[in-house]
C-alpha atoms as a PDB file:
ATOM      1  CA  UNK A   1     -23.830  31.958  30.306  1.00  0.00           C
ATOM      2  CA  UNK A   2     -24.210  30.955  26.666  1.00  0.00           C
ATOM      3  CA  UNK A   3     -25.044  27.473  25.447  1.00  0.00           C
ATOM      4  CA  UNK A   4     -21.486  27.035  24.134  1.00  0.00           C
ATOM      5  CA  UNK A   5     -20.072  27.893  27.538  1.00  0.00           C
ATOM      6  CA  UNK A   6     -22.564  25.540  29.160  1.00  0.00           C
ATOM      7  CA  UNK A   7     -21.548  22.707  26.860  1.00  0.00           C
ATOM      8  CA  UNK A   8     -17.860  23.405  27.510  1.00  0.00           C
ATOM      9  CA  UNK A   9     -18.472  23.420  31.260  1.00  0.00           C
ATOM     10  CA  UNK A  10     -20.377  20.134  31.019  1.00  0.00           C
ATOM     11  CA  UNK A  11     -17.516  18.552  29.068  1.00  0.00           C
ATOM     12  CA  UNK A  12     -15.004  19.757  31.655  1.00  0.00           C
ATOM     13  CA  UNK A  13     -17.078  18.232  34.433  1.00  0.00           C
ATOM     14  CA  UNK A  14     -17.397  14.941  32.560  1.00  0.00           C
ATOM     15  CA  UNK A  15     -13.618  14.852  32.031  1.00  0.00           C
ATOM     16  CA  UNK A  16     -13.125  15.621  35.703  1.00  0.00           C
ATOM     17  CA  UNK A  17     -15.474  12.754  36.634  1.00  0.00           C
ATOM     18  CA  UNK A  18     -13.485  10.393  34.411  1.00  0.00           C
ATOM     19  CA  UNK A  19     -10.245  11.525  36.062  1.00  0.00           C
ATOM     20  CA  UNK A  20     -11.779  10.986  39.489  1.00  0.00           C
ATOM     21  CA  UNK A  21     -12.926   7.478  38.570  1.00  0.00           C
ATOM     22  CA  UNK A  22     -11.124   5.040  40.811  1.00  0.00           C
ATOM     23  CA  UNK A  23      -8.634   2.827  39.035  1.00  0.00           C
ATOM     24  CA  UNK A  24      -8.518  -0.880  39.594  1.00  0.00           C
ATOM     25  CA  UNK A  25      -5.494  -2.356  41.319  1.00  0.00           C
ATOM     26  CA  UNK A  26      -4.240  -3.762  38.009  1.00  0.00           C
ATOM     27  CA  UNK A  27      -4.483  -0.330  36.345  1.00  0.00           C
ATOM     28  CA  UNK A  28      -2.529   1.265  39.176  1.00  0.00           C
ATOM     29  CA  UNK A  29       0.312  -1.236  38.857  1.00  0.00           C
ATOM     30  CA  UNK A  30       0.286  -0.966  35.053  1.00  0.00           C
ATOM     31  CA  UNK A  31       0.462   2.850  35.226  1.00  0.00           C
ATOM     32  CA  UNK A  32       3.295   2.661  37.744  1.00  0.00           C
ATOM     33  CA  UNK A  33       5.189   0.256  35.479  1.00  0.00           C
ATOM     34  CA  UNK A  34       5.658  -2.416  38.146  1.00  0.00           C
ATOM     35  CA  UNK A  35       4.112  -5.718  39.077  1.00  0.00           C
ATOM     36  CA  UNK A  36       2.160  -6.413  42.222  1.00  0.00           C
ATOM     37  CA  UNK A  37       4.972  -8.571  43.568  1.00  0.00           C
ATOM     38  CA  UNK A  38       7.511  -5.763  43.085  1.00  0.00           C
ATOM     39  CA  UNK A  39       5.218  -3.366  44.943  1.00  0.00           C
ATOM     40  CA  UNK A  40       4.920  -5.729  47.885  1.00  0.00           C
ATOM     41  CA  UNK A  41       8.678  -5.738  48.415  1.00  0.00           C
ATOM     42  CA  UNK A  42       9.200  -2.912  50.882  1.00  0.00           C
ATOM     43  CA  UNK A  43      12.497  -1.348  51.786  1.00  0.00           C
ATOM     44  CA  UNK A  44      13.316  -1.234  55.480  1.00  0.00           C
ATOM     45  CA  UNK A  45      12.652   2.493  55.820  1.00  0.00           C
ATOM     46  CA  UNK A  46       9.150   2.497  54.233  1.00  0.00           C
ATOM     47  CA  UNK A  47       7.386   1.791  57.506  1.00  0.00           C
ATOM     48  CA  UNK A  48       9.589   4.351  59.235  1.00  0.00           C
ATOM     49  CA  UNK A  49       8.481   7.216  56.968  1.00  0.00           C
ATOM     50  CA  UNK A  50       4.805   6.343  57.097  1.00  0.00           C
ATOM     51  CA  UNK A  51       4.221   7.418  60.675  1.00  0.00           C
ATOM     52  CA  UNK A  52       5.883  10.812  60.030  1.00  0.00           C
ATOM     53  CA  UNK A  53       3.552  11.784  57.204  1.00  0.00           C
ATOM     54  CA  UNK A  54       0.189  10.355  58.252  1.00  0.00           C
ATOM     55  CA  UNK A  55      -1.420  12.274  61.055  1.00  0.00           C
ATOM     56  CA  UNK A  56      -4.693  10.421  60.740  1.00  0.00           C
ATOM     57  CA  UNK A  57      -8.257  11.433  59.959  1.00  0.00           C
ATOM     58  CA  UNK A  58      -8.372  13.938  62.835  1.00  0.00           C
ATOM     59  CA  UNK A  59      -5.781  16.173  61.117  1.00  0.00           C
ATOM     60  CA  UNK A  60      -7.519  19.537  60.639  1.00  0.00           C
ATOM     61  CA  UNK A  61      -5.400  20.557  57.641  1.00  0.00           C
ATOM     62  CA  UNK A  62      -6.357  17.342  55.901  1.00  0.00           C
ATOM     63  CA  UNK A  63     -10.021  17.855  56.759  1.00  0.00           C
ATOM     64  CA  UNK A  64      -9.900  21.414  55.407  1.00  0.00           C
ATOM     65  CA  UNK A  65      -8.237  20.208  52.218  1.00  0.00           C
ATOM     66  CA  UNK A  66     -10.825  17.452  51.778  1.00  0.00           C
ATOM     67  CA  UNK A  67     -13.677  19.877  52.397  1.00  0.00           C
ATOM     68  CA  UNK A  68     -12.267  22.368  49.886  1.00  0.00           C
ATOM     69  CA  UNK A  69     -12.081  19.624  47.271  1.00  0.00           C
ATOM     70  CA  UNK A  70     -15.650  18.588  48.011  1.00  0.00           C
ATOM     71  CA  UNK A  71     -16.797  22.214  47.868  1.00  0.00           C
ATOM     72  CA  UNK A  72     -15.212  22.598  44.428  1.00  0.00           C
ATOM     73  CA  UNK A  73     -16.983  19.442  43.254  1.00  0.00           C
ATOM     74  CA  UNK A  74     -20.331  20.618  44.599  1.00  0.00           C
ATOM     75  CA  UNK A  75     -19.904  24.059  43.038  1.00  0.00           C
ATOM     76  CA  UNK A  76     -19.181  22.400  39.695  1.00  0.00           C
ATOM     77  CA  UNK A  77     -22.305  20.294  40.032  1.00  0.00           C
ATOM     78  CA  UNK A  78     -24.282  23.408  40.953  1.00  0.00           C
ATOM     79  CA  UNK A  79     -23.079  25.197  37.797  1.00  0.00           C
ATOM     80  CA  UNK A  80     -24.135  22.235  35.658  1.00  0.00           C
ATOM     81  CA  UNK A  81     -27.530  22.101  37.368  1.00  0.00           C
ATOM     82  CA  UNK A  82     -28.050  25.820  36.792  1.00  0.00           C
ATOM     83  CA  UNK A  83     -27.189  25.435  33.121  1.00  0.00           C
ATOM     84  CA  UNK A  84     -29.486  22.469  32.723  1.00  0.00           C
ATOM     85  CA  UNK A  85     -32.250  24.270  34.593  1.00  0.00           C
ATOM     86  CA  UNK A  86     -31.907  27.247  32.250  1.00  0.00           C
ATOM     87  CA  UNK A  87     -32.028  24.974  29.213  1.00  0.00           C
ATOM     88  CA  UNK A  88     -35.080  23.173  30.562  1.00  0.00           C
ATOM     89  CA  UNK A  89     -36.854  26.452  31.268  1.00  0.00           C
ATOM     90  CA  UNK A  90     -36.148  27.539  27.672  1.00  0.00           C
ATOM     91  CA  UNK A  91     -37.519  24.249  26.363  1.00  0.00           C
ATOM     92  CA  UNK A  92     -40.668  24.632  28.458  1.00  0.00           C
ATOM     93  CA  UNK A  93     -41.150  28.182  27.142  1.00  0.00           C
ATOM     94  CA  UNK A  94     -40.614  27.026  23.539  1.00  0.00           C
ATOM     95  CA  UNK A  95     -43.121  24.206  23.982  1.00  0.00           C
ATOM     96  CA  UNK A  96     -45.687  26.565  25.496  1.00  0.00           C
ATOM     97  CA  UNK A  97     -45.275  28.879  22.514  1.00  0.00           C
ATOM     98  CA  UNK A  98     -45.739  25.950  20.116  1.00  0.00           C
ATOM     99  CA  UNK A  99     -48.885  24.847  21.943  1.00  0.00           C
ATOM    100  CA  UNK A 100     -50.232  28.396  21.828  1.00  0.00           C
ATOM    101  CA  UNK A 101     -49.571  28.583  18.080  1.00  0.00           C
ATOM    102  CA  UNK A 102     -51.219  25.197  17.569  1.00  0.00           C
ATOM    103  CA  UNK A 103     -54.331  26.229  19.525  1.00  0.00           C
ATOM    104  CA  UNK A 104     -54.517  29.430  17.486  1.00  0.00           C
ATOM    105  CA  UNK A 105     -54.332  27.438  14.236  1.00  0.00           C
ATOM    106  CA  UNK A 106     -56.981  24.990  15.461  1.00  0.00           C
ATOM    107  CA  UNK A 107     -59.291  27.921  16.237  1.00  0.00           C
ATOM    108  CA  UNK A 108     -58.691  29.337  12.745  1.00  0.00           C
ATOM    109  CA  UNK A 109     -59.462  25.935  11.232  1.00  0.00           C
ATOM    110  CA  UNK A 110     -62.723  25.688  13.177  1.00  0.00           C
ATOM    111  CA  UNK A 111     -63.702  29.201  12.106  1.00  0.00           C
ATOM    112  CA  UNK A 112     -62.939  28.406   8.459  1.00  0.00           C
ATOM    113  CA  UNK A 113     -64.887  25.141   8.693  1.00  0.00           C
ATOM    114  CA  UNK A 114     -67.955  26.991   9.950  1.00  0.00           C
ATOM    115  CA  UNK A 115     -67.576  29.579   7.167  1.00  0.00           C
ATOM    116  CA  UNK A 116     -67.293  26.794   4.567  1.00  0.00           C
ATOM    117  CA  UNK A 117     -70.359  25.074   5.995  1.00  0.00           C
ATOM    118  CA  UNK A 118     -72.316  28.342   5.918  1.00  0.00           C
ATOM    119  CA  UNK A 119     -71.217  29.087   2.348  1.00  0.00           C
ATOM    120  CA  UNK A 120     -72.126  25.565   1.246  1.00  0.00           C
ATOM    121  CA  UNK A 121     -75.586  25.959   2.746  1.00  0.00           C
ATOM    122  CA  UNK A 122     -76.007  29.370   1.048  1.00  0.00           C
ATOM    123  CA  UNK A 123     -74.751  27.903  -2.238  1.00  0.00           C
ATOM    124  CA  UNK A 124     -77.310  25.075  -2.083  1.00  0.00           C
ATOM    125  CA  UNK A 125     -80.091  27.546  -1.219  1.00  0.00           C
ATOM    126  CA  UNK A 126     -79.137  29.866  -4.090  1.00  0.00           C
ATOM    127  CA  UNK A 127     -78.849  26.919  -6.484  1.00  0.00           C
ATOM    128  CA  UNK A 128     -82.345  25.829  -5.495  1.00  0.00           C
ATOM    129  CA  UNK A 129     -83.658  29.395  -5.997  1.00  0.00           C
ATOM    130  CA  UNK A 130     -82.106  29.534  -9.471  1.00  0.00           C
ATOM    131  CA  UNK A 131     -83.625  26.162 -10.370  1.00  0.00           C
ATOM    132  CA  UNK A 132     -87.020  27.325  -9.088  1.00  0.00           C
ATOM    133  CA  UNK A 133     -86.855  30.562 -11.122  1.00  0.00           C
ATOM    134  CA  UNK A 134     -85.735  28.702 -14.271  1.00  0.00           C
ATOM    135  CA  UNK A 135     -88.600  26.217 -13.847  1.00  0.00           C
ATOM    136  CA  UNK A 136     -91.073  29.084 -13.312  1.00  0.00           C
ATOM    137  CA  UNK A 137     -89.834  30.860 -16.439  1.00  0.00           C
ATOM    138  CA  UNK A 138     -90.139  27.619 -18.416  1.00  0.00           C
ATOM    139  CA  UNK A 139     -93.699  27.189 -17.160  1.00  0.00           C
ATOM    140  CA  UNK A 140     -94.575  30.677 -18.237  1.00  0.00           C
ATOM    141  CA  UNK A 141     -92.964  30.036 -21.632  1.00  0.00           C
ATOM    142  CA  UNK A 142     -90.305  32.689 -21.392  1.00  0.00           C
ATOM    143  CA  UNK A 143     -87.556  30.159 -21.891  1.00  0.00           C
END
């Protein structure tokens, strides 16, 4: 799955989480377009219909439906975790490569420092030799 698909999937899951967020009682009444007092007024048949529809928590169809919803949620979470895991693995690999490159550069720097030190020492030695030869030639009267 590409990064764009992963981002899209993450956004979908975030939107789903927002939808699933429980509304407050005030929000429910506001969305329904009624007041709390209006909702409390029950027609005579409301209690009659309730016992026909609600079979309780032991209803197997309801349990299956609830479990299917939960399974879908968990599968969505699993997809997000897989995407994040893949991104994290890529970041770890990238960081390891950067560290490797940095170590390589540090080794090159150390090598170049030792070469510079060696060349400086040789330069001083050769400068001293030249001075010695010039002084010797001056003593002998050649210069």
